[in-house]
Amino acid sequence: MNRLRSLCLVAAAFTFAACAEDPTATHQLTVGGVAKDAGIGAGIEFAPIHKSEPLALTAGDAQSAIVTRDARNGVSGPNPQNILYWNGEVIRDMKQVAIYYSPDRIYNNGPRPGSTGSASRDGSLVGYFLRNIGGTPYWNINSTYFQNEGGNTQYINNVMTYTGFWAPKDGPANISAPVPGELVTQERMAALIEEGFATGAISYDPNTVYQIFTGPGVNLGGGFSRTNLQYCAWHSAYRAADGRIVQYSAMPYDADFTPAHPSNNPDGFHYLCVPQNGAPNGDVGADGTVSAMIHEIQETATDPVKVWDKKFFYGWYDVNFGENADKCAYTYGSTLTKNSLGYWNLAVGGKPFLVQMNWDNVKIQGCLIGR
C-alpha cells in the first residue's frame, strides 16, 4: 500500500493523523473523536499505515463491465520505479488469522458470531481462498523477495498458512461488533485483538497478520465511507504495552464500492474498490474481498514492521513508498476470463477469482499472475 507518510508514534487516543515526512505529503488520514473508545488500548502505540488506494472512475466507467488499469493501457507517466530492499526483515513463512468483526455473518457460510476455530471450519469463500493460496504459482511471486540475515540471503517461502478465525460477538461495550454506519478506530481494533489474546480466542505470533473484516456500511479505520473513501484496505503494526509488535490489517467490506455504486468524495471524484459489479462465484461480498485481502497479506510478508523506530518499515518498497502489491493494483493480466457470473483471472483450489497481479522481483521486474 502507499504509505501514510508519517513519522508519528500515536498512542491510544481520540485521533490519529499523519506527520508529513515532507511538505508534499498527501495521504493523510484523520479520524474524529469517538467517545466510546476513550481509555481503551492504554499503552498501545501505532506505526503508520500502508494503504491500498481506491481506483478513480473516469468517464464511461460506470457502464463498463469491468474497470481495470489494464483497460486503460496502464498507468500514465514514466515506467514504475523498481522496488528496493531497505535491509530489514521479511516474514519468510507467512501466516494469517481472520477476525470476522460483525454482529451477523459477513460472508455466505462464514463463521457465526461468537465462534472461533481452525481454518477448516471457515466455510466462507474467503476461508477457501486463504486455505488454498499458499503453495500456488501466485503466492510463489513473493519468493522473489528476501532478507539479509548475517550476510545470508534468505528468501520468502512459497507458504501462506491460514491458521484460524475468531468471530467475536460479546465483550466490553467499546469493542462490541459494529453495525452499519459505525466508525471503528485503530484504538478499537488493537483493543479487540488484545482481547482475543487475553481470552485465548486467538494466539499471538510475530509472523502472523491479524486481519479484521467488517460487514457492509462499517467505516473500518476511519477512511472508508461513501463520502470520503481513502483506501480499500491497509496494513500496519502496533506495539503493545509489553513490547510485542503485532502485525494487523483493516479489511473493510470492499463490495460497498463498485462501478455501479462508487464513492462520492469531496474532491469531486468517484472511487471504487471492486472493479466489477459481477462476482465469479456468485458471492458479491467474498468475491470482492479476496484481491485487497491478499494484497495486504503479501505486503505484510515483504514489508512488515519488525523494528520500532521512526522509519518502522525496512522491507521492500520503491522510492515512492510503493510496496510490491501497490505496483500492480487494479491490473489483472492477459488471462482475464468471463463466466456467467463475472470476470476472473486466477483459479485457486479449482475456484475462479479476480485477483490483482503482484510485482515479480527477479524474472521480469514487473507484474505477474504467477511464476
Protein backbone atom coordinates (compact mmCIF):
# COMPACT_ATOMS: atom_id res chain seq x y z
CA MET A 1 0.00 0.00 0.00
CA ASN A 2 1.03 3.56 -0.46
CA ARG A 3 2.42 4.66 2.83
CA LEU A 4 0.56 7.07 5.05
CA ARG A 5 3.51 9.42 5.22
CA SER A 6 4.03 9.70 8.92
CA LEU A 7 6.78 9.53 11.45
CA CYS A 8 4.35 9.66 14.34
CA LEU A 9 4.13 7.23 17.20
CA VAL A 10 0.47 7.60 18.04
CA ALA A 11 -0.57 6.41 21.47
CA ALA A 12 -4.17 5.35 22.09
CA ALA A 13 -6.24 8.48 21.95
CA PHE A 14 -9.21 10.04 20.19
CA THR A 15 -7.45 10.83 16.92
CA PHE A 16 -4.69 9.69 14.67
CA ALA A 17 -3.09 11.66 11.86
CA ALA A 18 -0.06 11.85 9.65
CA CYS A 19 3.05 13.86 10.38
CA ALA A 20 4.40 14.67 6.96
CA GLU A 21 7.87 13.50 6.03
CA ASP A 22 7.90 16.29 3.50
CA PRO A 23 5.58 19.20 2.62
CA THR A 24 4.19 17.37 -0.41
CA ALA A 25 2.71 14.51 1.61
CA THR A 26 -0.87 13.95 0.51
CA HIS A 27 -2.05 10.69 2.05
CA GLN A 28 -3.02 12.00 5.44
CA LEU A 29 -5.77 10.35 7.46
CA THR A 30 -7.65 11.95 10.33
CA VAL A 31 -10.37 10.39 12.46
CA GLY A 32 -12.59 12.44 14.73
CA GLY A 33 -13.04 11.66 18.41
CA VAL A 34 -15.14 8.64 19.35
CA ALA A 35 -16.31 8.85 22.94
CA LYS A 36 -16.87 5.11 23.33
CA ASP A 37 -13.19 4.49 22.60
CA ALA A 38 -11.98 6.68 25.46
CA GLY A 39 -9.38 4.91 27.56
CA ILE A 40 -9.15 1.69 25.55
CA GLY A 41 -5.83 0.35 24.37
CA ALA A 42 -3.82 2.01 27.12
CA GLY A 43 -0.10 1.90 26.41
CA ILE A 44 -0.50 0.91 22.74
CA GLU A 45 1.49 2.73 20.05
CA PHE A 46 0.74 2.67 16.33
CA ALA A 47 3.00 2.57 13.30
CA PRO A 48 1.92 4.44 10.15
CA ILE A 49 -0.43 2.63 7.80
CA HIS A 50 0.28 1.48 4.26
CA LYS A 51 -2.99 1.79 2.41
CA SER A 52 -4.42 0.20 -0.71
CA GLU A 53 -5.85 3.17 -2.53
CA PRO A 54 -9.21 3.09 -4.36
CA LEU A 55 -9.40 3.46 -8.13
CA ALA A 56 -10.88 6.69 -9.50
CA LEU A 57 -13.59 6.28 -12.11
CA THR A 58 -13.29 8.05 -15.42
CA ALA A 59 -15.96 8.94 -17.96
CA GLY A 60 -17.92 5.86 -19.03
CA ASP A 61 -16.55 3.57 -16.32
CA ALA A 62 -19.88 3.20 -14.52
CA GLN A 63 -21.29 1.46 -17.62
CA SER A 64 -18.26 -0.80 -18.06
CA ALA A 65 -18.45 -4.49 -17.27
CA ILE A 66 -15.05 -4.27 -15.58
CA VAL A 67 -12.81 -1.30 -14.72
CA THR A 68 -9.08 -2.03 -14.69
CA ARG A 69 -5.81 -0.25 -15.26
CA ASP A 70 -5.09 -2.82 -17.95
CA ALA A 71 -8.01 -1.50 -20.00
CA ARG A 72 -6.58 2.00 -19.65
CA ASN A 73 -3.31 0.75 -21.14
CA GLY A 74 -1.50 1.05 -17.84
CA VAL A 75 -0.91 3.96 -15.53
CA SER A 76 0.08 7.18 -17.27
CA GLY A 77 3.56 8.56 -16.72
CA PRO A 78 7.04 7.01 -16.66
CA ASN A 79 7.68 3.32 -16.12
CA PRO A 80 7.25 2.22 -12.49
CA GLN A 81 10.28 2.58 -10.25
CA ASN A 82 12.00 -0.68 -9.42
CA ILE A 83 11.34 -2.00 -5.95
CA LEU A 84 14.21 -1.67 -3.44
CA TYR A 85 15.38 -3.51 -0.34
CA TRP A 86 15.83 -1.39 2.80
CA ASN A 87 17.89 -4.00 4.74
CA GLY A 88 15.24 -5.19 7.16
CA GLU A 89 13.35 -8.41 7.85
CA VAL A 90 10.64 -10.08 5.82
CA ILE A 91 8.24 -12.79 7.00
CA ARG A 92 9.51 -15.94 5.34
CA ASP A 93 6.65 -18.23 6.45
CA MET A 94 3.58 -16.03 6.34
CA LYS A 95 0.51 -16.74 8.46
CA GLN A 96 -2.90 -15.13 8.73
CA VAL A 97 -5.69 -15.04 11.32
CA ALA A 98 -9.13 -13.81 10.25
CA ILE A 99 -11.17 -11.77 12.73
CA TYR A 100 -14.76 -11.50 11.49
CA TYR A 101 -15.98 -8.45 13.38
CA SER A 102 -19.74 -8.20 12.91
CA PRO A 103 -22.99 -8.96 14.78
CA ASP A 104 -24.00 -11.11 11.79
CA ARG A 105 -22.22 -13.42 9.38
CA ILE A 106 -20.23 -11.26 6.97
CA TYR A 107 -19.90 -13.78 4.13
CA ASN A 108 -22.06 -16.68 2.96
CA ASN A 109 -21.41 -19.81 5.03
CA GLY A 110 -18.86 -17.91 7.10
CA PRO A 111 -18.29 -18.22 10.83
CA ARG A 112 -21.18 -17.27 13.09
CA PRO A 113 -20.61 -14.50 15.67
CA GLY A 114 -19.42 -15.99 18.91
CA SER A 115 -17.34 -18.72 17.29
CA THR A 116 -13.67 -19.47 16.90
CA GLY A 117 -11.95 -22.28 15.09
CA SER A 118 -9.38 -23.71 12.74
CA ALA A 119 -9.12 -22.77 9.08
CA SER A 120 -11.00 -25.92 8.03
CA ARG A 121 -14.10 -24.72 9.90
CA ASP A 122 -14.36 -21.49 7.92
CA GLY A 123 -16.95 -22.34 5.26
CA SER A 124 -16.82 -18.96 3.52
CA LEU A 125 -15.33 -18.33 0.10
CA VAL A 126 -12.78 -16.09 1.84
CA GLY A 127 -11.74 -19.01 4.04
CA TYR A 128 -11.50 -21.26 0.99
CA PHE A 129 -9.17 -18.83 -0.77
CA LEU A 130 -6.99 -18.44 2.32
CA ARG A 131 -6.66 -22.21 2.79
CA ASN A 132 -5.60 -22.76 -0.81
CA ILE A 133 -3.45 -19.79 -1.86
CA GLY A 134 -0.22 -20.93 -0.19
CA GLY A 135 1.99 -23.04 -2.48
CA THR A 136 0.42 -21.69 -5.67
CA PRO A 137 2.27 -20.02 -8.56
CA TYR A 138 0.60 -16.79 -7.47
CA TRP A 139 1.99 -16.83 -3.93
CA ASN A 140 5.32 -18.01 -5.32
CA ILE A 141 5.87 -14.50 -6.71
CA ASN A 142 6.64 -13.48 -3.13
CA SER A 143 9.55 -15.94 -3.08
CA THR A 144 11.48 -13.44 -5.22
CA TYR A 145 11.88 -11.30 -2.06
CA PHE A 146 14.46 -11.91 0.63
CA GLN A 147 16.13 -10.67 3.78
CA ASN A 148 19.82 -10.42 4.51
CA GLU A 149 20.45 -12.12 7.84
CA GLY A 150 24.09 -12.03 8.95
CA GLY A 151 25.28 -11.96 5.37
CA ASN A 152 22.98 -14.82 4.35
CA THR A 153 20.28 -14.22 1.74
CA GLN A 154 17.03 -15.81 2.95
CA TYR A 155 14.05 -15.85 0.58
CA ILE A 156 10.37 -15.89 1.45
CA ASN A 157 8.99 -19.42 1.16
CA ASN A 158 6.03 -20.35 -1.02
CA VAL A 159 3.94 -20.75 2.12
CA MET A 160 0.90 -18.85 3.39
CA THR A 161 -0.88 -20.55 6.25
CA TYR A 162 -4.38 -19.63 7.34
CA THR A 163 -4.21 -20.69 10.97
CA GLY A 164 -7.74 -19.92 12.13
CA PHE A 165 -10.52 -17.42 12.75
CA TRP A 166 -12.34 -15.62 15.53
CA ALA A 167 -15.81 -14.11 15.16
CA PRO A 168 -16.29 -12.07 18.36
CA LYS A 169 -19.84 -11.38 19.49
CA ASP A 170 -20.00 -10.06 23.03
CA GLY A 171 -17.45 -8.12 25.02
CA PRO A 172 -16.82 -4.74 26.60
CA ALA A 173 -19.16 -2.11 25.12
CA ASN A 174 -16.32 -0.32 23.37
CA ILE A 175 -15.30 -3.38 21.34
CA SER A 176 -18.72 -4.91 20.61
CA ALA A 177 -19.26 -5.80 16.97
CA PRO A 178 -20.01 -2.74 14.80
CA VAL A 179 -23.20 -2.08 12.83
CA PRO A 180 -23.59 -0.20 9.52
CA GLY A 181 -22.72 3.49 9.86
CA GLU A 182 -20.39 2.88 12.79
CA LEU A 183 -16.76 4.04 12.90
CA VAL A 184 -14.12 1.61 14.17
CA THR A 185 -10.90 3.37 15.18
CA GLN A 186 -7.37 1.96 15.29
CA GLU A 187 -7.58 2.01 19.08
CA ARG A 188 -10.66 -0.19 19.00
CA MET A 189 -9.05 -2.56 16.50
CA ALA A 190 -5.98 -3.02 18.67
CA ALA A 191 -8.11 -3.45 21.79
CA LEU A 192 -10.12 -6.14 20.01
CA ILE A 193 -7.00 -8.08 19.03
CA GLU A 194 -5.63 -7.79 22.55
CA GLU A 195 -8.97 -9.04 23.92
CA GLY A 196 -8.61 -12.06 21.64
CA PHE A 197 -5.14 -12.77 23.01
CA ALA A 198 -6.28 -12.32 26.61
CA THR A 199 -9.25 -14.69 26.26
CA GLY A 200 -7.39 -17.31 24.24
CA ALA A 201 -9.65 -16.91 21.22
CA ILE A 202 -6.51 -16.24 19.16
CA SER A 203 -2.81 -16.57 19.92
CA TYR A 204 0.00 -14.07 19.44
CA ASP A 205 2.59 -14.83 16.80
CA PRO A 206 5.06 -12.25 15.41
CA ASN A 207 4.83 -13.73 11.90
CA THR A 208 1.03 -13.59 11.69
CA VAL A 209 -1.07 -10.76 10.30
CA TYR A 210 -4.33 -10.34 12.21
CA GLN A 211 -6.79 -9.22 9.57
CA ILE A 212 -10.03 -7.62 10.75
CA PHE A 213 -13.04 -7.96 8.45
CA THR A 214 -16.24 -5.92 8.83
CA GLY A 215 -19.63 -6.02 7.15
CA PRO A 216 -21.40 -3.60 4.79
CA GLY A 217 -21.52 0.05 5.74
CA VAL A 218 -18.92 -0.07 8.55
CA ASN A 219 -16.20 2.60 8.48
CA LEU A 220 -13.27 0.42 9.46
CA GLY A 221 -10.25 2.55 10.32
CA GLY A 222 -11.81 5.98 9.69
CA GLY A 223 -11.33 6.41 5.93
CA PHE A 224 -13.88 4.01 4.45
CA SER A 225 -17.11 5.90 3.86
CA ARG A 226 -19.38 6.78 0.97
CA THR A 227 -18.43 10.46 1.17
CA ASN A 228 -14.71 10.06 1.86
CA LEU A 229 -13.19 6.83 0.57
CA GLN A 230 -9.44 6.99 1.25
CA TYR A 231 -8.49 3.29 0.95
CA CYS A 232 -9.86 -0.17 0.27
CA ALA A 233 -7.70 -1.87 2.92
CA TRP A 234 -4.46 -1.30 4.81
CA HIS A 235 -1.77 -2.96 6.87
CA SER A 236 0.31 -1.69 9.76
CA ALA A 237 1.50 -2.75 13.21
CA TYR A 238 1.07 -1.69 16.80
CA ARG A 239 3.29 -2.11 19.81
CA ALA A 240 1.60 -3.35 22.96
CA ALA A 241 2.48 -2.15 26.45
CA ASP A 242 4.69 -5.21 27.00
CA GLY A 243 6.69 -4.54 23.81
CA ARG A 244 5.08 -7.08 21.48
CA ILE A 245 4.84 -5.86 17.87
CA VAL A 246 1.58 -7.04 16.30
CA GLN A 247 1.08 -7.05 12.52
CA TYR A 248 -2.53 -6.21 11.72
CA SER A 249 -4.69 -5.19 8.78
CA ALA A 250 -8.02 -3.48 8.10
CA MET A 251 -10.20 -5.34 5.60
CA PRO A 252 -13.49 -3.43 5.24
CA TYR A 253 -16.38 -4.56 3.04
CA ASP A 254 -14.97 -3.60 -0.36
CA ALA A 255 -18.14 -4.59 -2.22
CA ASP A 256 -19.66 -1.37 -0.86
CA PHE A 257 -17.81 0.40 -3.70
CA THR A 258 -18.28 -0.94 -7.24
CA PRO A 259 -18.64 0.73 -10.66
CA ALA A 260 -22.40 0.87 -10.10
CA HIS A 261 -22.07 2.21 -6.56
CA PRO A 262 -18.86 4.28 -6.24
CA SER A 263 -17.97 6.76 -3.54
CA ASN A 264 -18.71 10.47 -3.80
CA ASN A 265 -15.54 12.10 -2.46
CA PRO A 266 -15.05 15.77 -1.57
CA ASP A 267 -12.55 16.13 -4.43
CA GLY A 268 -15.39 15.56 -6.89
CA PHE A 269 -14.16 12.13 -7.97
CA HIS A 270 -15.93 8.80 -7.62
CA TYR A 271 -13.89 5.83 -6.43
CA LEU A 272 -14.26 2.07 -6.33
CA CYS A 273 -12.62 -0.88 -4.57
CA VAL A 274 -14.11 -3.74 -6.60
CA PRO A 275 -13.69 -3.29 -10.37
CA GLN A 276 -16.83 -5.16 -11.44
CA ASN A 277 -20.47 -5.44 -10.44
CA GLY A 278 -20.42 -9.20 -11.02
CA ALA A 279 -18.88 -11.93 -8.88
CA PRO A 280 -17.31 -15.05 -10.48
CA ASN A 281 -18.51 -17.32 -7.65
CA GLY A 282 -21.83 -15.53 -7.19
CA ASP A 283 -20.80 -14.24 -3.76
CA VAL A 284 -20.54 -10.47 -4.15
CA GLY A 285 -19.09 -9.78 -0.70
CA ALA A 286 -16.48 -12.54 -0.60
CA ASP A 287 -15.56 -12.34 -4.29
CA GLY A 288 -15.00 -8.62 -3.83
CA THR A 289 -12.76 -9.14 -0.80
CA VAL A 290 -10.03 -11.51 -1.92
CA SER A 291 -7.91 -9.18 -4.08
CA ALA A 292 -7.41 -6.46 -1.46
CA MET A 293 -7.10 -9.11 1.26
CA ILE A 294 -4.19 -10.90 -0.41
CA HIS A 295 -2.70 -7.50 -1.36
CA GLU A 296 -2.33 -6.74 2.37
CA ILE A 297 -1.08 -10.20 3.31
CA GLN A 298 1.69 -10.24 0.73
CA GLU A 299 2.74 -6.69 1.60
CA THR A 300 2.97 -7.72 5.24
CA ALA A 301 5.20 -10.61 4.17
CA THR A 302 7.59 -8.41 2.18
CA ASP A 303 7.42 -5.25 4.31
CA PRO A 304 6.45 -5.95 7.94
CA VAL A 305 7.17 -3.78 10.96
CA LYS A 306 9.92 -5.62 12.80
CA VAL A 307 11.84 -2.65 14.27
CA TRP A 308 10.09 0.00 16.32
CA ASP A 309 11.69 3.31 15.39
CA LYS A 310 10.92 6.39 13.33
CA LYS A 311 11.08 4.57 9.98
CA PHE A 312 9.21 1.37 11.00
CA PHE A 313 9.28 -0.28 7.54
CA TYR A 314 12.61 -1.78 6.39
CA GLY A 315 11.46 -4.37 3.87
CA TRP A 316 10.69 -3.81 0.20
CA TYR A 317 9.22 -0.70 -1.48
CA ASP A 318 10.20 1.78 -4.15
CA VAL A 319 11.31 5.39 -3.74
CA ASN A 320 7.66 6.47 -3.76
CA PHE A 321 6.80 4.02 -0.93
CA GLY A 322 5.04 1.66 -3.35
CA GLU A 323 5.15 -1.88 -1.96
CA ASN A 324 5.01 -4.99 -4.15
CA ALA A 325 1.21 -5.22 -4.43
CA ASP A 326 0.80 -1.45 -4.83
CA LYS A 327 2.77 -1.58 -8.04
CA CYS A 328 0.20 -3.91 -9.64
CA ALA A 329 -3.03 -2.62 -8.10
CA TYR A 330 -6.06 -2.98 -10.40
CA THR A 331 -4.05 -4.79 -13.07
CA TYR A 332 -5.18 -8.33 -13.85
CA GLY A 333 -3.17 -9.51 -16.84
CA SER A 334 -3.98 -11.29 -20.08
CA THR A 335 -5.73 -14.30 -18.50
CA LEU A 336 -8.93 -12.36 -17.78
CA THR A 337 -11.94 -14.63 -18.41
CA LYS A 338 -15.68 -14.17 -18.02
CA ASN A 339 -18.10 -16.79 -16.78
CA SER A 340 -21.86 -16.33 -16.39
CA LEU A 341 -21.41 -14.51 -13.09
CA GLY A 342 -18.39 -12.27 -13.54
CA TYR A 343 -14.77 -11.85 -14.58
CA TRP A 344 -11.91 -13.85 -13.12
CA ASN A 345 -8.20 -14.43 -13.84
CA LEU A 346 -6.92 -16.92 -11.26
CA ALA A 347 -8.05 -20.41 -10.27
CA VAL A 348 -7.36 -21.19 -6.62
CA GLY A 349 -8.28 -24.66 -5.39
CA GLY A 350 -10.36 -25.08 -8.53
CA LYS A 351 -12.50 -21.96 -7.97
CA PRO A 352 -12.34 -18.75 -10.05
CA PHE A 353 -11.19 -15.48 -8.50
CA LEU A 354 -10.44 -11.98 -9.73
CA VAL A 355 -7.11 -11.11 -8.10
CA GLN A 356 -4.69 -8.34 -8.97
CA MET A 357 -1.21 -9.27 -10.16
CA ASN A 358 1.87 -8.95 -7.96
CA TRP A 359 5.33 -7.47 -8.62
CA ASP A 360 7.91 -10.09 -9.56
CA ASN A 361 11.33 -9.09 -8.21
CA VAL A 362 13.51 -11.41 -10.32
CA LYS A 363 12.08 -12.66 -13.58
CA ILE A 364 10.67 -9.56 -15.27
CA GLN A 365 10.75 -6.75 -12.69
CA GLY A 366 7.07 -6.27 -13.36
CA CYS A 367 3.56 -7.59 -12.69
CA LEU A 368 2.78 -11.30 -12.94
CA ILE A 369 -0.17 -13.52 -12.01
CA GLY A 370 2.10 -16.49 -11.21
CA ARG A 371 5.64 -17.82 -11.63
